[in-house]
Amino acid sequence: MRTVSVREANQSFSRLIAEVEKGETFRVTKNGRTVAEIRPQSEDPREDPEWRKRHAQMIALMDETPDDGYRVGKITEDDKYGDIY
């Protein structure tokens, strides 16, 4: 990952995008602070490392949550169909 300032990115944006198309990733800084990341976009989000990381976090969170949801009891024919007669 390479770092460029906002000014550098602005002045050579076409070159920067051409390099991103080749697989390069850039961190854009303003006053020394990271404000953006420019990286290639995958056709399939499952191939994107950032997406995979967030997905794994979501699955871990779901695994932590107890699955003792609210029980509604037995569903009757009237519950399903109402008063149709």
C-alpha atoms as a PDB file:
ATOM      1  CA  MET A   1       0.000   0.000   0.000  1.00  0.00           C
ATOM      2  CA  ARG A   2       1.387   3.358  -0.994  1.00  0.00           C
ATOM      3  CA  THR A   3       0.590   6.679   0.640  1.00  0.00           C
ATOM      4  CA  VAL A   4      -0.118   9.881  -1.290  1.00  0.00           C
ATOM      5  CA  SER A   5      -1.338  13.291  -0.192  1.00  0.00           C
ATOM      6  CA  VAL A   6      -4.637  14.733  -1.383  1.00  0.00           C
ATOM      7  CA  ARG A   7      -2.672  17.212  -3.472  1.00  0.00           C
ATOM      8  CA  GLU A   8      -0.627  14.462  -5.165  1.00  0.00           C
ATOM      9  CA  ALA A   9      -3.746  12.381  -5.789  1.00  0.00           C
ATOM     10  CA  ASN A  10      -5.551  15.367  -7.280  1.00  0.00           C
ATOM     11  CA  GLN A  11      -2.667  16.311  -9.586  1.00  0.00           C
ATOM     12  CA  SER A  12      -2.133  12.791 -10.923  1.00  0.00           C
ATOM     13  CA  PHE A  13      -5.526  11.169 -10.519  1.00  0.00           C
ATOM     14  CA  SER A  14      -5.522   9.448 -13.935  1.00  0.00           C
ATOM     15  CA  ARG A  15      -2.142   7.839 -13.229  1.00  0.00           C
ATOM     16  CA  LEU A  16      -3.302   6.824  -9.767  1.00  0.00           C
ATOM     17  CA  ILE A  17      -6.446   5.156 -11.184  1.00  0.00           C
ATOM     18  CA  ALA A  18      -4.367   3.377 -13.838  1.00  0.00           C
ATOM     19  CA  GLU A  19      -2.196   1.912 -11.085  1.00  0.00           C
ATOM     20  CA  VAL A  20      -5.261   0.907  -9.062  1.00  0.00           C
ATOM     21  CA  GLU A  21      -6.541  -0.961 -12.121  1.00  0.00           C
ATOM     22  CA  LYS A  22      -3.276  -2.923 -12.045  1.00  0.00           C
ATOM     23  CA  GLY A  23      -3.903  -3.916  -8.416  1.00  0.00           C
ATOM     24  CA  GLU A  24      -2.135  -1.156  -6.439  1.00  0.00           C
ATOM     25  CA  THR A  25      -3.738   0.261  -3.277  1.00  0.00           C
ATOM     26  CA  PHE A  26      -3.283   3.867  -2.127  1.00  0.00           C
ATOM     27  CA  ARG A  27      -3.825   5.531   1.219  1.00  0.00           C
ATOM     28  CA  VAL A  28      -4.723   9.221   0.754  1.00  0.00           C
ATOM     29  CA  THR A  29      -3.683  11.612   3.510  1.00  0.00           C
ATOM     30  CA  LYS A  30      -4.565  15.201   4.354  1.00  0.00           C
ATOM     31  CA  ASN A  31      -2.379  17.055   6.842  1.00  0.00           C
ATOM     32  CA  GLY A  32      -0.768  13.735   7.745  1.00  0.00           C
ATOM     33  CA  ARG A  33      -4.062  12.022   8.583  1.00  0.00           C
ATOM     34  CA  THR A  34      -5.504   9.197   6.470  1.00  0.00           C
ATOM     35  CA  VAL A  35      -8.778  10.301   4.880  1.00  0.00           C
ATOM     36  CA  ALA A  36      -9.334   7.671   2.183  1.00  0.00           C
ATOM     37  CA  GLU A  37      -8.177   4.436   0.701  1.00  0.00           C
ATOM     38  CA  ILE A  38      -8.317   3.782  -3.038  1.00  0.00           C
ATOM     39  CA  ARG A  39      -8.111   0.134  -4.016  1.00  0.00           C
ATOM     40  CA  PRO A  40      -9.288  -2.159  -6.792  1.00  0.00           C
ATOM     41  CA  GLN A  41     -12.940  -3.160  -6.683  1.00  0.00           C
ATOM     42  CA  SER A  42     -13.632  -6.848  -7.148  1.00  0.00           C
ATOM     43  CA  GLU A  43     -16.490  -8.068  -9.338  1.00  0.00           C
ATOM     44  CA  ASP A  44     -17.404 -10.560  -6.616  1.00  0.00           C
ATOM     45  CA  PRO A  45     -17.453  -9.017  -3.124  1.00  0.00           C
ATOM     46  CA  ARG A  46     -16.477 -12.369  -1.605  1.00  0.00           C
ATOM     47  CA  GLU A  47     -13.042 -11.914  -3.189  1.00  0.00           C
ATOM     48  CA  ASP A  48     -12.556  -8.560  -1.442  1.00  0.00           C
ATOM     49  CA  PRO A  49     -10.430  -8.953   1.735  1.00  0.00           C
ATOM     50  CA  GLU A  50     -12.242  -6.079   3.476  1.00  0.00           C
ATOM     51  CA  TRP A  51     -15.643  -7.657   2.735  1.00  0.00           C
ATOM     52  CA  ARG A  52     -14.392 -11.033   3.989  1.00  0.00           C
ATOM     53  CA  LYS A  53     -13.168  -9.441   7.216  1.00  0.00           C
ATOM     54  CA  ARG A  54     -16.512  -7.699   7.861  1.00  0.00           C
ATOM     55  CA  HIS A  55     -18.421 -10.874   6.981  1.00  0.00           C
ATOM     56  CA  ALA A  56     -16.359 -12.906   9.457  1.00  0.00           C
ATOM     57  CA  GLN A  57     -17.058 -10.283  12.153  1.00  0.00           C
ATOM     58  CA  MET A  58     -20.800 -10.494  11.433  1.00  0.00           C
ATOM     59  CA  ILE A  59     -20.786 -14.299  11.637  1.00  0.00           C
ATOM     60  CA  ALA A  60     -18.825 -14.196  14.915  1.00  0.00           C
ATOM     61  CA  LEU A  61     -21.319 -11.711  16.362  1.00  0.00           C
ATOM     62  CA  MET A  62     -24.229 -13.912  15.297  1.00  0.00           C
ATOM     63  CA  ASP A  63     -22.554 -16.939  16.909  1.00  0.00           C
ATOM     64  CA  GLU A  64     -22.189 -15.012  20.189  1.00  0.00           C
ATOM     65  CA  THR A  65     -25.883 -14.109  20.281  1.00  0.00           C
ATOM     66  CA  PRO A  66     -28.048 -16.708  22.029  1.00  0.00           C
ATOM     67  CA  ASP A  67     -30.662 -18.163  19.734  1.00  0.00           C
ATOM     68  CA  ASP A  68     -33.397 -18.432  22.343  1.00  0.00           C
ATOM     69  CA  GLY A  69     -35.756 -16.147  20.461  1.00  0.00           C
ATOM     70  CA  TYR A  70     -39.292 -15.302  21.487  1.00  0.00           C
ATOM     71  CA  ARG A  71     -41.621 -18.283  21.309  1.00  0.00           C
ATOM     72  CA  VAL A  72     -45.087 -17.657  19.936  1.00  0.00           C
ATOM     73  CA  GLY A  73     -46.555 -21.028  20.835  1.00  0.00           C
ATOM     74  CA  LYS A  74     -48.660 -23.308  18.668  1.00  0.00           C
ATOM     75  CA  ILE A  75     -50.041 -21.673  15.530  1.00  0.00           C
ATOM     76  CA  THR A  76     -53.660 -22.570  14.886  1.00  0.00           C
ATOM     77  CA  GLU A  77     -55.565 -22.711  11.596  1.00  0.00           C
ATOM     78  CA  ASP A  78     -57.326 -19.516  12.661  1.00  0.00           C
ATOM     79  CA  ASP A  79     -53.954 -17.818  13.184  1.00  0.00           C
ATOM     80  CA  LYS A  80     -52.880 -18.835   9.687  1.00  0.00           C
ATOM     81  CA  TYR A  81     -56.047 -18.142   7.745  1.00  0.00           C
ATOM     82  CA  GLY A  82     -58.189 -15.910   9.953  1.00  0.00           C
ATOM     83  CA  ASP A  83     -61.977 -15.863   9.647  1.00  0.00           C
ATOM     84  CA  ILE A  84     -62.434 -16.857   6.035  1.00  0.00           C
ATOM     85  CA  TYR A  85     -65.771 -18.624   6.577  1.00  0.00           C
END
